[in-house]
PDB file of N, CA and C in Angstrom:
ATOM      1  N   MET A   1      18.097   4.044  -1.571  1.00  0.00           N
ATOM      2  CA  MET A   1      18.622   4.447  -0.283  1.00  0.00           C
ATOM      3  C   MET A   1      19.040   3.220   0.537  1.00  0.00           C
ATOM      4  N   LEU A   2      18.215   2.199   0.536  1.00  0.00           N
ATOM      5  CA  LEU A   2      18.537   1.001   1.318  1.00  0.00           C
ATOM      6  C   LEU A   2      19.789   0.315   0.795  1.00  0.00           C
ATOM      7  N   LEU A   3      19.966   0.352  -0.506  1.00  0.00           N
ATOM      8  CA  LEU A   3      21.122  -0.309  -1.115  1.00  0.00           C
ATOM      9  C   LEU A   3      22.439   0.274  -0.596  1.00  0.00           C
ATOM     10  N   GLU A   4      22.442   1.547  -0.253  1.00  0.00           N
ATOM     11  CA  GLU A   4      23.639   2.176   0.298  1.00  0.00           C
ATOM     12  C   GLU A   4      24.067   1.521   1.609  1.00  0.00           C
ATOM     13  N   PHE A   5      23.150   0.836   2.250  1.00  0.00           N
ATOM     14  CA  PHE A   5      23.450   0.163   3.512  1.00  0.00           C
ATOM     15  C   PHE A   5      23.459  -1.355   3.357  1.00  0.00           C
ATOM     16  N   GLY A   6      23.568  -1.811   2.106  1.00  0.00           N
ATOM     17  CA  GLY A   6      23.668  -3.230   1.824  1.00  0.00           C
ATOM     18  C   GLY A   6      22.341  -3.976   1.913  1.00  0.00           C
ATOM     19  N   ILE A   7      21.238  -3.245   1.848  1.00  0.00           N
ATOM     20  CA  ILE A   7      19.917  -3.857   1.961  1.00  0.00           C
ATOM     21  C   ILE A   7      19.272  -3.841   0.584  1.00  0.00           C
ATOM     22  N   THR A   8      18.922  -5.018   0.099  1.00  0.00           N
ATOM     23  CA  THR A   8      18.272  -5.105  -1.207  1.00  0.00           C
ATOM     24  C   THR A   8      16.847  -5.610  -1.045  1.00  0.00           C
ATOM     25  N   VAL A   9      15.975  -5.032  -1.851  1.00  0.00           N
ATOM     26  CA  VAL A   9      14.576  -5.441  -1.913  1.00  0.00           C
ATOM     27  C   VAL A   9      14.246  -5.560  -3.388  1.00  0.00           C
ATOM     28  N   PRO A  10      13.686  -6.685  -3.813  1.00  0.00           N
ATOM     29  CA  PRO A  10      13.317  -6.828  -5.231  1.00  0.00           C
ATOM     30  C   PRO A  10      12.397  -5.692  -5.671  1.00  0.00           C
ATOM     31  N   LYS A  11      12.445  -5.374  -6.962  1.00  0.00           N
ATOM     32  CA  LYS A  11      11.625  -4.297  -7.509  1.00  0.00           C
ATOM     33  C   LYS A  11      10.145  -4.623  -7.406  1.00  0.00           C
ATOM     34  N   GLY A  12       9.355  -3.560  -7.292  1.00  0.00           N
ATOM     35  CA  GLY A  12       7.907  -3.718  -7.302  1.00  0.00           C
ATOM     36  C   GLY A  12       7.286  -3.419  -5.950  1.00  0.00           C
ATOM     37  N   ILE A  13       6.091  -2.852  -6.005  1.00  0.00           N
ATOM     38  CA  ILE A  13       5.391  -2.473  -4.777  1.00  0.00           C
ATOM     39  C   ILE A  13       5.030  -3.691  -3.931  1.00  0.00           C
ATOM     40  N   ARG A  14       4.681  -4.798  -4.574  1.00  0.00           N
ATOM     41  CA  ARG A  14       4.356  -6.008  -3.798  1.00  0.00           C
ATOM     42  C   ARG A  14       5.574  -6.508  -3.035  1.00  0.00           C
ATOM     43  N   GLN A  15       6.728  -6.464  -3.678  1.00  0.00           N
ATOM     44  CA  GLN A  15       7.944  -6.895  -3.005  1.00  0.00           C
ATOM     45  C   GLN A  15       8.294  -5.954  -1.857  1.00  0.00           C
ATOM     46  N   LEU A  16       8.084  -4.659  -2.083  1.00  0.00           N
ATOM     47  CA  LEU A  16       8.348  -3.684  -1.022  1.00  0.00           C
ATOM     48  C   LEU A  16       7.426  -3.950   0.167  1.00  0.00           C
ATOM     49  N   ARG A  17       6.154  -4.166  -0.109  1.00  0.00           N
ATOM     50  CA  ARG A  17       5.200  -4.444   0.971  1.00  0.00           C
ATOM     51  C   ARG A  17       5.575  -5.724   1.730  1.00  0.00           C
ATOM     52  N   ARG A  18       6.076  -6.693   1.021  1.00  0.00           N
ATOM     53  CA  ARG A  18       6.435  -7.971   1.628  1.00  0.00           C
ATOM     54  C   ARG A  18       7.722  -7.864   2.449  1.00  0.00           C
ATOM     55  N   ASN A  19       8.691  -7.094   1.960  1.00  0.00           N
ATOM     56  CA  ASN A  19      10.022  -7.098   2.572  1.00  0.00           C
ATOM     57  C   ASN A  19      10.318  -5.952   3.531  1.00  0.00           C
ATOM     58  N   LEU A  20       9.655  -4.812   3.366  1.00  0.00           N
ATOM     59  CA  LEU A  20       9.990  -3.659   4.193  1.00  0.00           C
ATOM     60  C   LEU A  20       9.804  -3.893   5.692  1.00  0.00           C
ATOM     61  N   PRO A  21       8.722  -4.538   6.125  1.00  0.00           N
ATOM     62  CA  PRO A  21       8.613  -4.788   7.569  1.00  0.00           C
ATOM     63  C   PRO A  21       9.810  -5.573   8.117  1.00  0.00           C
ATOM     64  N   TRP A  22      10.268  -6.541   7.361  1.00  0.00           N
ATOM     65  CA  TRP A  22      11.430  -7.326   7.794  1.00  0.00           C
ATOM     66  C   TRP A  22      12.666  -6.436   7.895  1.00  0.00           C
ATOM     67  N   VAL A  23      12.855  -5.573   6.905  1.00  0.00           N
ATOM     68  CA  VAL A  23      14.012  -4.670   6.903  1.00  0.00           C
ATOM     69  C   VAL A  23      13.970  -3.763   8.126  1.00  0.00           C
ATOM     70  N   LEU A  24      12.809  -3.224   8.425  1.00  0.00           N
ATOM     71  CA  LEU A  24      12.682  -2.296   9.551  1.00  0.00           C
ATOM     72  C   LEU A  24      12.876  -2.987  10.895  1.00  0.00           C
ATOM     73  N   GLU A  25      12.484  -4.251  10.991  1.00  0.00           N
ATOM     74  CA  GLU A  25      12.610  -4.985  12.252  1.00  0.00           C
ATOM     75  C   GLU A  25      14.001  -5.560  12.473  1.00  0.00           C
ATOM     76  N   ASP A  26      14.776  -5.666  11.404  1.00  0.00           N
ATOM     77  CA  ASP A  26      16.111  -6.261  11.492  1.00  0.00           C
ATOM     78  C   ASP A  26      17.086  -5.293  12.155  1.00  0.00           C
ATOM     79  N   GLY A  27      17.333  -5.496  13.423  1.00  0.00           N
ATOM     80  CA  GLY A  27      18.254  -4.641  14.161  1.00  0.00           C
ATOM     81  C   GLY A  27      19.705  -4.870  13.818  1.00  0.00           C
ATOM     82  N   ASP A  28      20.003  -5.939  13.089  1.00  0.00           N
ATOM     83  CA  ASP A  28      21.396  -6.243  12.740  1.00  0.00           C
ATOM     84  C   ASP A  28      21.859  -5.546  11.464  1.00  0.00           C
ATOM     85  N   ASN A  29      20.909  -5.003  10.670  1.00  0.00           N
ATOM     86  CA  ASN A  29      21.365  -4.299   9.478  1.00  0.00           C
ATOM     87  C   ASN A  29      21.957  -2.948   9.896  1.00  0.00           C
ATOM     88  N   GLU A  30      22.634  -2.307   8.989  1.00  0.00           N
ATOM     89  CA  GLU A  30      23.347  -1.083   9.339  1.00  0.00           C
ATOM     90  C   GLU A  30      22.546   0.179   9.041  1.00  0.00           C
ATOM     91  N   LEU A  31      21.248   0.051   9.020  1.00  0.00           N
ATOM     92  CA  LEU A  31      20.381   1.187   8.767  1.00  0.00           C
ATOM     93  C   LEU A  31      20.457   2.152   9.955  1.00  0.00           C
ATOM     94  N   PRO A  32      20.808   3.409   9.703  1.00  0.00           N
ATOM     95  CA  PRO A  32      20.865   4.375  10.809  1.00  0.00           C
ATOM     96  C   PRO A  32      19.495   4.535  11.471  1.00  0.00           C
ATOM     97  N   ASP A  33      19.513   4.777  12.766  1.00  0.00           N
ATOM     98  CA  ASP A  33      18.262   4.868  13.523  1.00  0.00           C
ATOM     99  C   ASP A  33      17.309   5.909  12.946  1.00  0.00           C
ATOM    100  N   ARG A  34      17.815   7.094  12.601  1.00  0.00           N
ATOM    101  CA  ARG A  34      16.929   8.139  12.083  1.00  0.00           C
ATOM    102  C   ARG A  34      16.315   7.741  10.747  1.00  0.00           C
ATOM    103  N   LEU A  35      17.106   7.092   9.887  1.00  0.00           N
ATOM    104  CA  LEU A  35      16.569   6.635   8.610  1.00  0.00           C
ATOM    105  C   LEU A  35      15.511   5.562   8.838  1.00  0.00           C
ATOM    106  N   ARG A  36      15.767   4.681   9.784  1.00  0.00           N
ATOM    107  CA  ARG A  36      14.783   3.640  10.133  1.00  0.00           C
ATOM    108  C   ARG A  36      13.476   4.285  10.598  1.00  0.00           C
ATOM    109  N   GLU A  37      13.586   5.345  11.403  1.00  0.00           N
ATOM    110  CA  GLU A  37      12.396   6.059  11.877  1.00  0.00           C
ATOM    111  C   GLU A  37      11.634   6.695  10.715  1.00  0.00           C
ATOM    112  N   LEU A  38      12.359   7.335   9.807  1.00  0.00           N
ATOM    113  CA  LEU A  38      11.714   7.983   8.661  1.00  0.00           C
ATOM    114  C   LEU A  38      11.007   6.968   7.767  1.00  0.00           C
ATOM    115  N   ILE A  39      11.673   5.855   7.498  1.00  0.00           N
ATOM    116  CA  ILE A  39      11.067   4.828   6.648  1.00  0.00           C
ATOM    117  C   ILE A  39       9.863   4.213   7.350  1.00  0.00           C
ATOM    118  N   THR A  40       9.941   4.048   8.658  1.00  0.00           N
ATOM    119  CA  THR A  40       8.802   3.533   9.424  1.00  0.00           C
ATOM    120  C   THR A  40       7.612   4.480   9.322  1.00  0.00           C
ATOM    121  N   GLU A  41       7.875   5.785   9.403  1.00  0.00           N
ATOM    122  CA  GLU A  41       6.795   6.769   9.252  1.00  0.00           C
ATOM    123  C   GLU A  41       6.173   6.678   7.863  1.00  0.00           C
ATOM    124  N   LEU A  42       7.008   6.569   6.837  1.00  0.00           N
ATOM    125  CA  LEU A  42       6.499   6.456   5.472  1.00  0.00           C
ATOM    126  C   LEU A  42       5.712   5.162   5.292  1.00  0.00           C
ATOM    127  N   TRP A  43       6.178   4.094   5.892  1.00  0.00           N
ATOM    128  CA  TRP A  43       5.483   2.806   5.831  1.00  0.00           C
ATOM    129  C   TRP A  43       4.096   2.929   6.465  1.00  0.00           C
ATOM    130  N   SER A  44       4.027   3.608   7.617  1.00  0.00           N
ATOM    131  CA  SER A  44       2.740   3.819   8.286  1.00  0.00           C
ATOM    132  C   SER A  44       1.810   4.662   7.417  1.00  0.00           C
ATOM    133  N   ASP A  45       2.365   5.682   6.777  1.00  0.00           N
ATOM    134  CA  ASP A  45       1.564   6.502   5.863  1.00  0.00           C
ATOM    135  C   ASP A  45       1.004   5.655   4.726  1.00  0.00           C
ATOM    136  N   MET A  46       1.819   4.774   4.187  1.00  0.00           N
ATOM    137  CA  MET A  46       1.387   3.931   3.081  1.00  0.00           C
ATOM    138  C   MET A  46       0.259   2.996   3.522  1.00  0.00           C
ATOM    139  N   ILE A  47       0.365   2.441   4.697  1.00  0.00           N
ATOM    140  CA  ILE A  47      -0.682   1.567   5.228  1.00  0.00           C
ATOM    141  C   ILE A  47      -1.978   2.347   5.404  1.00  0.00           C
ATOM    142  N   ARG A  48      -1.882   3.563   5.963  1.00  0.00           N
ATOM    143  CA  ARG A  48      -3.081   4.390   6.136  1.00  0.00           C
ATOM    144  C   ARG A  48      -3.712   4.732   4.792  1.00  0.00           C
ATOM    145  N   LEU A  49      -2.889   5.046   3.790  1.00  0.00           N
ATOM    146  CA  LEU A  49      -3.424   5.344   2.465  1.00  0.00           C
ATOM    147  C   LEU A  49      -4.097   4.126   1.851  1.00  0.00           C
ATOM    148  N   ASP A  50      -3.498   2.955   2.022  1.00  0.00           N
ATOM    149  CA  ASP A  50      -4.125   1.721   1.530  1.00  0.00           C
ATOM    150  C   ASP A  50      -5.503   1.530   2.156  1.00  0.00           C
ATOM    151  N   GLU A  51      -5.583   1.762   3.460  1.00  0.00           N
ATOM    152  CA  GLU A  51      -6.859   1.607   4.159  1.00  0.00           C
ATOM    153  C   GLU A  51      -7.875   2.632   3.664  1.00  0.00           C
ATOM    154  N   ARG A  52      -7.439   3.855   3.456  1.00  0.00           N
ATOM    155  CA  ARG A  52      -8.341   4.913   2.987  1.00  0.00           C
ATOM    156  C   ARG A  52      -8.831   4.614   1.570  1.00  0.00           C
ATOM    157  N   ILE A  53      -7.940   4.152   0.720  1.00  0.00           N
ATOM    158  CA  ILE A  53      -8.323   3.793  -0.646  1.00  0.00           C
ATOM    159  C   ILE A  53      -9.364   2.684  -0.621  1.00  0.00           C
ATOM    160  N   GLU A  54      -9.174   1.706   0.238  1.00  0.00           N
ATOM    161  CA  GLU A  54     -10.134   0.611   0.357  1.00  0.00           C
ATOM    162  C   GLU A  54     -11.489   1.130   0.831  1.00  0.00           C
ATOM    163  N   GLU A  55     -11.478   2.023   1.818  1.00  0.00           N
ATOM    164  CA  GLU A  55     -12.728   2.604   2.317  1.00  0.00           C
ATOM    165  C   GLU A  55     -13.461   3.363   1.209  1.00  0.00           C
ATOM    166  N   LEU A  56     -12.723   4.195   0.490  1.00  0.00           N
ATOM    167  CA  LEU A  56     -13.355   4.986  -0.572  1.00  0.00           C
ATOM    168  C   LEU A  56     -13.840   4.111  -1.718  1.00  0.00           C
ATOM    169  N   THR A  57     -13.099   3.080  -2.034  1.00  0.00           N
ATOM    170  CA  THR A  57     -13.516   2.156  -3.081  1.00  0.00           C
ATOM    171  C   THR A  57     -14.809   1.456  -2.688  1.00  0.00           C
ATOM    172  N   ASP A  58     -14.888   1.026  -1.436  1.00  0.00           N
ATOM    173  CA  ASP A  58     -16.119   0.390  -0.944  1.00  0.00           C
ATOM    174  C   ASP A  58     -17.297   1.360  -1.007  1.00  0.00           C
ATOM    175  N   GLU A  59     -17.047   2.611  -0.619  1.00  0.00           N
ATOM    176  CA  GLU A  59     -18.112   3.612  -0.659  1.00  0.00           C
ATOM    177  C   GLU A  59     -18.565   3.861  -2.102  1.00  0.00           C
ATOM    178  N   LEU A  60     -17.617   3.975  -3.015  1.00  0.00           N
ATOM    179  CA  LEU A  60     -17.966   4.174  -4.419  1.00  0.00           C
ATOM    180  C   LEU A  60     -18.728   2.980  -4.982  1.00  0.00           C
ATOM    181  N   ASP A  61     -18.325   1.779  -4.597  1.00  0.00           N
ATOM    182  CA  ASP A  61     -19.048   0.574  -5.028  1.00  0.00           C
ATOM    183  C   ASP A  61     -20.493   0.616  -4.555  1.00  0.00           C
ATOM    184  N   THR A  62     -20.690   0.991  -3.287  1.00  0.00           N
ATOM    185  CA  THR A  62     -22.034   1.076  -2.725  1.00  0.00           C
ATOM    186  C   THR A  62     -22.869   2.116  -3.466  1.00  0.00           C
ATOM    187  N   LEU A  63     -22.287   3.273  -3.701  1.00  0.00           N
ATOM    188  CA  LEU A  63     -23.003   4.330  -4.418  1.00  0.00           C
ATOM    189  C   LEU A  63     -23.341   3.903  -5.845  1.00  0.00           C
ATOM    190  N   ALA A  64     -22.407   3.244  -6.495  1.00  0.00           N
ATOM    191  CA  ALA A  64     -22.637   2.815  -7.876  1.00  0.00           C
ATOM    192  C   ALA A  64     -23.760   1.789  -7.951  1.00  0.00           C
ATOM    193  N   ARG A  65     -23.822   0.893  -6.993  1.00  0.00           N
ATOM    194  CA  ARG A  65     -24.871  -0.125  -6.991  1.00  0.00           C
ATOM    195  C   ARG A  65     -26.243   0.464  -6.676  1.00  0.00           C
ATOM    196  N   ALA A  66     -26.256   1.564  -5.916  1.00  0.00           N
ATOM    197  CA  ALA A  66     -27.515   2.187  -5.520  1.00  0.00           C
ATOM    198  C   ALA A  66     -28.038   3.190  -6.552  1.00  0.00           C
ATOM    199  N   ASP A  67     -27.177   3.615  -7.440  1.00  0.00           N
ATOM    200  CA  ASP A  67     -27.550   4.632  -8.430  1.00  0.00           C
ATOM    201  C   ASP A  67     -28.273   3.983  -9.604  1.00  0.00           C
ATOM    202  N   PRO A  68     -29.506   4.432  -9.891  1.00  0.00           N
ATOM    203  CA  PRO A  68     -30.273   3.841 -11.001  1.00  0.00           C
ATOM    204  C   PRO A  68     -29.553   3.954 -12.355  1.00  0.00           C
ATOM    205  N   GLN A  69     -28.735   4.959 -12.521  1.00  0.00           N
ATOM    206  CA  GLN A  69     -28.028   5.117 -13.796  1.00  0.00           C
ATOM    207  C   GLN A  69     -26.966   4.046 -13.999  1.00  0.00           C
ATOM    208  N   THR A  70     -26.503   3.445 -12.925  1.00  0.00           N
ATOM    209  CA  THR A  70     -25.479   2.415 -13.072  1.00  0.00           C
ATOM    210  C   THR A  70     -26.073   1.020 -13.207  1.00  0.00           C
ATOM    211  N   VAL A  71     -27.395   0.916 -13.129  1.00  0.00           N
ATOM    212  CA  VAL A  71     -28.045  -0.390 -13.257  1.00  0.00           C
ATOM    213  C   VAL A  71     -27.704  -1.023 -14.600  1.00  0.00           C
ATOM    214  N   MET A  72     -27.571  -0.214 -15.609  1.00  0.00           N
ATOM    215  CA  MET A  72     -27.281  -0.731 -16.948  1.00  0.00           C
ATOM    216  C   MET A  72     -25.793  -0.984 -17.173  1.00  0.00           C
ATOM    217  N   THR A  73     -24.966  -0.605 -16.218  1.00  0.00           N
ATOM    218  CA  THR A  73     -23.533  -0.820 -16.339  1.00  0.00           C
ATOM    219  C   THR A  73     -23.243  -2.301 -16.122  1.00  0.00           C
ATOM    220  N   PRO A  74     -22.477  -2.904 -17.015  1.00  0.00           N
ATOM    221  CA  PRO A  74     -22.135  -4.316 -16.804  1.00  0.00           C
ATOM    222  C   PRO A  74     -21.498  -4.530 -15.433  1.00  0.00           C
ATOM    223  N   TRP A  75     -21.890  -5.603 -14.789  1.00  0.00           N
ATOM    224  CA  TRP A  75     -21.413  -5.897 -13.429  1.00  0.00           C
ATOM    225  C   TRP A  75     -19.893  -5.913 -13.335  1.00  0.00           C
ATOM    226  N   PHE A  76     -19.206  -6.438 -14.336  1.00  0.00           N
ATOM    227  CA  PHE A  76     -17.755  -6.532 -14.249  1.00  0.00           C
ATOM    228  C   PHE A  76     -17.106  -5.153 -14.167  1.00  0.00           C
ATOM    229  N   LEU A  77     -17.737  -4.125 -14.703  1.00  0.00           N
ATOM    230  CA  LEU A  77     -17.164  -2.786 -14.609  1.00  0.00           C
ATOM    231  C   LEU A  77     -17.250  -2.246 -13.183  1.00  0.00           C
ATOM    232  N   LEU A  78     -18.255  -2.670 -12.433  1.00  0.00           N
ATOM    233  CA  LEU A  78     -18.391  -2.230 -11.066  1.00  0.00           C
ATOM    234  C   LEU A  78     -17.432  -2.951 -10.132  1.00  0.00           C
ATOM    235  N   THR A  79     -16.881  -4.064 -10.569  1.00  0.00           N
ATOM    236  CA  THR A  79     -16.016  -4.841  -9.693  1.00  0.00           C
ATOM    237  C   THR A  79     -14.534  -4.706 -10.041  1.00  0.00           C
ATOM    238  N   LEU A  80     -14.206  -3.946 -11.064  1.00  0.00           N
ATOM    239  CA  LEU A  80     -12.812  -3.756 -11.441  1.00  0.00           C
ATOM    240  C   LEU A  80     -12.101  -2.917 -10.388  1.00  0.00           C
ATOM    241  N   ARG A  81     -10.933  -3.346 -10.003  1.00  0.00           N
ATOM    242  CA  ARG A  81     -10.104  -2.586  -9.075  1.00  0.00           C
ATOM    243  C   ARG A  81      -8.667  -2.660  -9.556  1.00  0.00           C
ATOM    244  N   SER A  82      -7.938  -1.575  -9.364  1.00  0.00           N
ATOM    245  CA  SER A  82      -6.543  -1.553  -9.804  1.00  0.00           C
ATOM    246  C   SER A  82      -5.679  -2.357  -8.885  1.00  0.00           C
TER     247      SER A  82
END
């Protein structure tokens, strides 16, 4: 969608996270206002989901460390994150 307005972002979620704020703040690009609003809403949703995933991961880590059945689980398995 951005390419239709001459805006390029390298492939990959990390590149999107790095470049999208700049794209949204750039008032000189030809992104229509409504599209800018929609992408901003989606960006905010993505940030909230990232925060929620982090919260749940922390909670799961805490539960796993407290559960006697996970005591025998190798430590590296408890620290793996995608």
